[in-house]
Amino acid sequence: MQVLEMVDMGDDRLIGAGCTLDSAEMPARLREWADLRDRSASVREIPGGAVIGLAPSEPMGQLAELAARESECCPFYTFRIRIDGATRELEITAGEGREIAVQALLGIG
């Protein structure tokens, strides 16, 4: 899987306008998302966002906790966790035409 450089969300007006996370906390949070992306089996872009394919061993409780914390500071994201047998996926969307917000969060695109 090709991994692109992290995007500096501090300069992204779309993110900055809706995010309430303290700027001092942002680098650590972005690192959490980058770590999730790096250990993912796949990342595929969809209209408005992306779907991250995860290993069956991925701790779902920690994943849900990360998504919940992100949702608190950035309410424009929608997170859906899908578990189907051994398939584990996290869908992240930011709304039609806002793929850039998800790309910035995951450091892709």
N, C-alpha and C. Protein backbone atom coordinates (compact mmCIF):
# COMPACT_ATOMS: atom_id res chain seq x y z
N MET A 1 0.84 -1.17 0.00
CA MET A 1 0.00 0.00 0.00
C MET A 1 0.89 1.23 0.00
N GLN A 2 0.57 2.18 -0.88
CA GLN A 2 1.32 3.42 -0.94
C GLN A 2 0.81 4.37 0.14
N VAL A 3 1.74 4.95 0.88
CA VAL A 3 1.38 5.90 1.92
C VAL A 3 1.98 7.25 1.54
N LEU A 4 1.15 8.26 1.50
CA LEU A 4 1.61 9.59 1.17
C LEU A 4 1.91 10.37 2.43
N GLU A 5 2.58 11.48 2.29
CA GLU A 5 2.93 12.30 3.44
C GLU A 5 1.69 12.79 4.16
N MET A 6 1.85 13.00 5.47
CA MET A 6 0.76 13.57 6.25
C MET A 6 0.46 14.98 5.74
N VAL A 7 -0.78 15.34 5.75
CA VAL A 7 -1.21 16.68 5.36
C VAL A 7 -1.31 17.51 6.63
N ASP A 8 -0.79 18.72 6.61
CA ASP A 8 -0.87 19.62 7.76
C ASP A 8 -2.28 20.19 7.82
N MET A 9 -3.09 19.65 8.73
CA MET A 9 -4.47 20.10 8.82
C MET A 9 -4.58 21.50 9.41
N GLY A 10 -3.53 22.00 10.03
CA GLY A 10 -3.59 23.33 10.60
C GLY A 10 -3.83 24.41 9.56
N ASP A 11 -3.43 24.16 8.33
CA ASP A 11 -3.61 25.14 7.26
C ASP A 11 -4.87 24.88 6.44
N ASP A 12 -5.59 23.85 6.71
CA ASP A 12 -6.77 23.49 5.93
C ASP A 12 -7.99 24.22 6.51
N ARG A 13 -8.51 25.16 5.78
CA ARG A 13 -9.63 25.97 6.29
C ARG A 13 -10.87 25.12 6.54
N LEU A 14 -11.10 24.11 5.73
CA LEU A 14 -12.26 23.24 5.92
C LEU A 14 -12.19 22.55 7.27
N ILE A 15 -11.03 22.03 7.61
CA ILE A 15 -10.86 21.36 8.89
C ILE A 15 -10.86 22.37 10.02
N GLY A 16 -10.05 23.39 9.90
CA GLY A 16 -9.90 24.37 10.96
C GLY A 16 -11.21 25.05 11.34
N ALA A 17 -12.09 25.24 10.38
CA ALA A 17 -13.35 25.93 10.64
C ALA A 17 -14.28 25.10 11.52
N GLY A 18 -14.18 23.79 11.45
CA GLY A 18 -15.11 22.96 12.20
C GLY A 18 -14.50 22.18 13.35
N CYS A 19 -13.19 22.17 13.47
CA CYS A 19 -12.52 21.37 14.49
C CYS A 19 -12.32 22.18 15.76
N THR A 20 -12.66 21.59 16.89
CA THR A 20 -12.49 22.26 18.18
C THR A 20 -11.30 21.72 18.97
N LEU A 21 -10.54 20.80 18.39
CA LEU A 21 -9.38 20.24 19.07
C LEU A 21 -8.33 21.32 19.24
N ASP A 22 -7.75 21.39 20.42
CA ASP A 22 -6.68 22.35 20.69
C ASP A 22 -5.52 22.09 19.74
N SER A 23 -4.96 23.14 19.17
CA SER A 23 -3.89 22.98 18.18
C SER A 23 -2.68 22.24 18.75
N ALA A 24 -2.46 22.33 20.04
CA ALA A 24 -1.35 21.60 20.66
C ALA A 24 -1.61 20.09 20.68
N GLU A 25 -2.88 19.69 20.67
CA GLU A 25 -3.23 18.26 20.68
C GLU A 25 -3.30 17.66 19.28
N MET A 26 -3.37 18.51 18.26
CA MET A 26 -3.58 18.02 16.91
C MET A 26 -2.48 17.09 16.40
N PRO A 27 -1.19 17.38 16.61
CA PRO A 27 -0.16 16.46 16.10
C PRO A 27 -0.29 15.04 16.66
N ALA A 28 -0.59 14.91 17.94
CA ALA A 28 -0.74 13.57 18.53
C ALA A 28 -1.95 12.85 17.95
N ARG A 29 -3.03 13.58 17.74
CA ARG A 29 -4.23 12.96 17.17
C ARG A 29 -3.97 12.51 15.73
N LEU A 30 -3.32 13.36 14.96
CA LEU A 30 -2.99 12.98 13.59
C LEU A 30 -2.08 11.76 13.57
N ARG A 31 -1.20 11.65 14.55
CA ARG A 31 -0.32 10.48 14.64
C ARG A 31 -1.14 9.22 14.88
N GLU A 32 -2.18 9.32 15.71
CA GLU A 32 -3.05 8.16 15.95
C GLU A 32 -3.71 7.70 14.66
N TRP A 33 -4.19 8.65 13.86
CA TRP A 33 -4.82 8.29 12.59
C TRP A 33 -3.79 7.74 11.61
N ALA A 34 -2.60 8.31 11.59
CA ALA A 34 -1.54 7.80 10.72
C ALA A 34 -1.14 6.39 11.12
N ASP A 35 -1.07 6.13 12.41
CA ASP A 35 -0.74 4.78 12.88
C ASP A 35 -1.81 3.78 12.44
N LEU A 36 -3.08 4.16 12.55
CA LEU A 36 -4.16 3.29 12.11
C LEU A 36 -4.05 3.04 10.61
N ARG A 37 -3.83 4.10 9.85
CA ARG A 37 -3.66 3.97 8.39
C ARG A 37 -2.49 3.05 8.07
N ASP A 38 -1.37 3.22 8.77
CA ASP A 38 -0.17 2.43 8.48
C ASP A 38 -0.34 0.95 8.77
N ARG A 39 -1.15 0.61 9.75
CA ARG A 39 -1.34 -0.82 10.05
C ARG A 39 -2.56 -1.40 9.35
N SER A 40 -3.24 -0.60 8.56
CA SER A 40 -4.43 -1.08 7.85
C SER A 40 -4.04 -2.01 6.70
N ALA A 41 -4.98 -2.87 6.34
CA ALA A 41 -4.79 -3.77 5.21
C ALA A 41 -5.04 -3.05 3.90
N SER A 42 -5.91 -2.04 3.94
CA SER A 42 -6.24 -1.29 2.73
C SER A 42 -6.89 0.04 3.10
N VAL A 43 -6.78 0.98 2.18
CA VAL A 43 -7.50 2.24 2.27
C VAL A 43 -8.04 2.51 0.89
N ARG A 44 -9.36 2.65 0.80
CA ARG A 44 -9.93 2.96 -0.50
C ARG A 44 -10.82 4.20 -0.36
N GLU A 45 -10.67 5.07 -1.33
CA GLU A 45 -11.45 6.30 -1.30
C GLU A 45 -12.85 6.03 -1.85
N ILE A 46 -13.83 6.68 -1.27
CA ILE A 46 -15.22 6.60 -1.69
C ILE A 46 -15.74 8.04 -1.78
N PRO A 47 -16.87 8.26 -2.42
CA PRO A 47 -17.42 9.61 -2.46
C PRO A 47 -17.61 10.16 -1.04
N GLY A 48 -17.00 11.28 -0.76
CA GLY A 48 -17.12 11.91 0.54
C GLY A 48 -16.18 11.40 1.61
N GLY A 49 -15.34 10.40 1.28
CA GLY A 49 -14.47 9.88 2.33
C GLY A 49 -13.61 8.71 1.93
N ALA A 50 -13.46 7.76 2.87
CA ALA A 50 -12.60 6.60 2.66
C ALA A 50 -13.07 5.45 3.55
N VAL A 51 -12.67 4.24 3.14
CA VAL A 51 -12.91 3.04 3.93
C VAL A 51 -11.55 2.41 4.22
N ILE A 52 -11.32 2.15 5.50
CA ILE A 52 -10.07 1.53 5.94
C ILE A 52 -10.37 0.07 6.24
N GLY A 53 -9.66 -0.83 5.56
CA GLY A 53 -9.76 -2.26 5.83
C GLY A 53 -8.77 -2.62 6.92
N LEU A 54 -9.23 -3.31 7.95
CA LEU A 54 -8.41 -3.61 9.12
C LEU A 54 -8.24 -5.11 9.32
N ALA A 55 -7.20 -5.47 10.02
CA ALA A 55 -6.95 -6.87 10.34
C ALA A 55 -7.98 -7.36 11.36
N PRO A 56 -8.31 -8.65 11.33
CA PRO A 56 -9.24 -9.19 12.32
C PRO A 56 -8.78 -8.97 13.76
N SER A 57 -7.48 -8.80 13.96
CA SER A 57 -6.93 -8.59 15.31
C SER A 57 -7.00 -7.14 15.78
N GLU A 58 -7.47 -6.23 14.93
CA GLU A 58 -7.54 -4.82 15.32
C GLU A 58 -8.48 -4.66 16.52
N PRO A 59 -8.03 -4.02 17.59
CA PRO A 59 -8.87 -3.82 18.77
C PRO A 59 -10.03 -2.87 18.47
N MET A 60 -11.22 -3.40 18.37
CA MET A 60 -12.38 -2.60 17.99
C MET A 60 -12.76 -1.56 19.06
N GLY A 61 -12.51 -1.87 20.31
CA GLY A 61 -12.80 -0.91 21.38
C GLY A 61 -11.95 0.35 21.24
N GLN A 62 -10.67 0.17 20.95
CA GLN A 62 -9.77 1.30 20.76
C GLN A 62 -10.14 2.09 19.51
N LEU A 63 -10.54 1.38 18.47
CA LEU A 63 -10.97 2.03 17.23
C LEU A 63 -12.22 2.89 17.49
N ALA A 64 -13.18 2.33 18.19
CA ALA A 64 -14.40 3.07 18.50
C ALA A 64 -14.10 4.28 19.37
N GLU A 65 -13.18 4.14 20.30
CA GLU A 65 -12.81 5.24 21.18
C GLU A 65 -12.15 6.37 20.39
N LEU A 66 -11.26 6.04 19.45
CA LEU A 66 -10.62 7.04 18.60
C LEU A 66 -11.66 7.76 17.75
N ALA A 67 -12.56 7.01 17.14
CA ALA A 67 -13.61 7.62 16.32
C ALA A 67 -14.51 8.53 17.16
N ALA A 68 -14.83 8.11 18.38
CA ALA A 68 -15.68 8.92 19.26
C ALA A 68 -14.97 10.22 19.63
N ARG A 69 -13.68 10.14 19.96
CA ARG A 69 -12.95 11.36 20.30
C ARG A 69 -12.87 12.31 19.11
N GLU A 70 -12.68 11.76 17.91
CA GLU A 70 -12.61 12.60 16.71
C GLU A 70 -13.96 13.24 16.43
N SER A 71 -15.01 12.50 16.64
CA SER A 71 -16.36 13.01 16.41
C SER A 71 -16.70 14.16 17.35
N GLU A 72 -16.13 14.14 18.55
CA GLU A 72 -16.38 15.21 19.52
C GLU A 72 -15.79 16.53 19.07
N CYS A 73 -14.60 16.51 18.48
CA CYS A 73 -13.96 17.76 18.07
C CYS A 73 -14.25 18.13 16.62
N CYS A 74 -14.60 17.15 15.82
CA CYS A 74 -14.86 17.39 14.39
C CYS A 74 -16.19 16.74 14.01
N PRO A 75 -17.30 17.39 14.36
CA PRO A 75 -18.61 16.77 14.16
C PRO A 75 -19.03 16.61 12.69
N PHE A 76 -18.24 17.13 11.77
CA PHE A 76 -18.56 16.96 10.36
C PHE A 76 -18.18 15.59 9.83
N TYR A 77 -17.41 14.81 10.60
CA TYR A 77 -17.09 13.43 10.21
C TYR A 77 -18.20 12.48 10.65
N THR A 78 -18.42 11.46 9.84
CA THR A 78 -19.28 10.34 10.21
C THR A 78 -18.42 9.09 10.17
N PHE A 79 -18.51 8.29 11.22
CA PHE A 79 -17.72 7.06 11.33
C PHE A 79 -18.67 5.87 11.40
N ARG A 80 -18.38 4.84 10.60
CA ARG A 80 -19.16 3.60 10.64
C ARG A 80 -18.18 2.44 10.73
N ILE A 81 -18.33 1.65 11.78
CA ILE A 81 -17.51 0.45 11.95
C ILE A 81 -18.32 -0.72 11.45
N ARG A 82 -17.72 -1.53 10.58
CA ARG A 82 -18.39 -2.71 10.03
C ARG A 82 -17.57 -3.94 10.39
N ILE A 83 -18.25 -4.90 11.02
CA ILE A 83 -17.64 -6.18 11.35
C ILE A 83 -18.50 -7.26 10.72
N ASP A 84 -17.90 -8.03 9.82
CA ASP A 84 -18.62 -9.09 9.11
C ASP A 84 -17.69 -10.28 9.02
N GLY A 85 -17.83 -11.21 9.97
CA GLY A 85 -16.90 -12.33 10.04
C GLY A 85 -15.51 -11.79 10.33
N ALA A 86 -14.55 -12.15 9.49
CA ALA A 86 -13.18 -11.69 9.69
C ALA A 86 -12.95 -10.29 9.11
N THR A 87 -13.93 -9.75 8.39
CA THR A 87 -13.79 -8.43 7.79
C THR A 87 -14.03 -7.34 8.82
N ARG A 88 -13.10 -6.42 8.90
CA ARG A 88 -13.20 -5.27 9.80
C ARG A 88 -12.96 -4.02 8.95
N GLU A 89 -13.90 -3.09 8.96
CA GLU A 89 -13.75 -1.87 8.19
C GLU A 89 -14.21 -0.66 8.99
N LEU A 90 -13.55 0.46 8.73
CA LEU A 90 -13.97 1.73 9.27
C LEU A 90 -14.22 2.65 8.08
N GLU A 91 -15.46 3.11 7.97
CA GLU A 91 -15.81 4.09 6.93
C GLU A 91 -15.82 5.46 7.57
N ILE A 92 -15.12 6.40 6.94
CA ILE A 92 -15.08 7.78 7.42
C ILE A 92 -15.55 8.66 6.28
N THR A 93 -16.58 9.46 6.54
CA THR A 93 -17.06 10.41 5.54
C THR A 93 -17.17 11.79 6.17
N ALA A 94 -17.13 12.79 5.31
CA ALA A 94 -17.25 14.18 5.76
C ALA A 94 -18.31 14.92 4.96
N GLY A 95 -19.03 14.20 4.13
CA GLY A 95 -20.08 14.82 3.33
C GLY A 95 -19.66 14.98 1.88
N GLU A 96 -20.64 15.12 1.04
CA GLU A 96 -20.42 15.24 -0.39
C GLU A 96 -19.48 16.40 -0.70
N GLY A 97 -18.46 16.09 -1.49
CA GLY A 97 -17.50 17.10 -1.89
C GLY A 97 -16.46 17.46 -0.83
N ARG A 98 -16.48 16.76 0.30
CA ARG A 98 -15.53 17.08 1.38
C ARG A 98 -14.51 15.95 1.60
N GLU A 99 -14.22 15.22 0.54
CA GLU A 99 -13.24 14.15 0.64
C GLU A 99 -11.91 14.64 1.18
N ILE A 100 -11.59 15.88 0.88
CA ILE A 100 -10.31 16.44 1.31
C ILE A 100 -10.16 16.40 2.83
N ALA A 101 -11.25 16.53 3.56
CA ALA A 101 -11.19 16.48 5.02
C ALA A 101 -10.76 15.09 5.48
N VAL A 102 -11.28 14.05 4.87
CA VAL A 102 -10.91 12.68 5.23
C VAL A 102 -9.48 12.39 4.77
N GLN A 103 -9.13 12.87 3.59
CA GLN A 103 -7.77 12.71 3.09
C GLN A 103 -6.77 13.35 4.05
N ALA A 104 -7.10 14.53 4.54
CA ALA A 104 -6.22 15.23 5.49
C ALA A 104 -6.11 14.46 6.80
N LEU A 105 -7.22 13.95 7.29
CA LEU A 105 -7.22 13.20 8.54
C LEU A 105 -6.32 11.97 8.44
N LEU A 106 -6.41 11.26 7.31
CA LEU A 106 -5.66 10.02 7.13
C LEU A 106 -4.30 10.21 6.47
N GLY A 107 -4.03 11.41 5.96
CA GLY A 107 -2.75 11.65 5.28
C GLY A 107 -2.67 10.92 3.96
N ILE A 108 -3.77 10.92 3.20
CA ILE A 108 -3.81 10.26 1.89
C ILE A 108 -4.26 11.28 0.84
N GLY A 109 -4.24 10.85 -0.41
CA GLY A 109 -4.84 11.68 -1.46
C GLY A 109 -3.88 12.46 -2.28
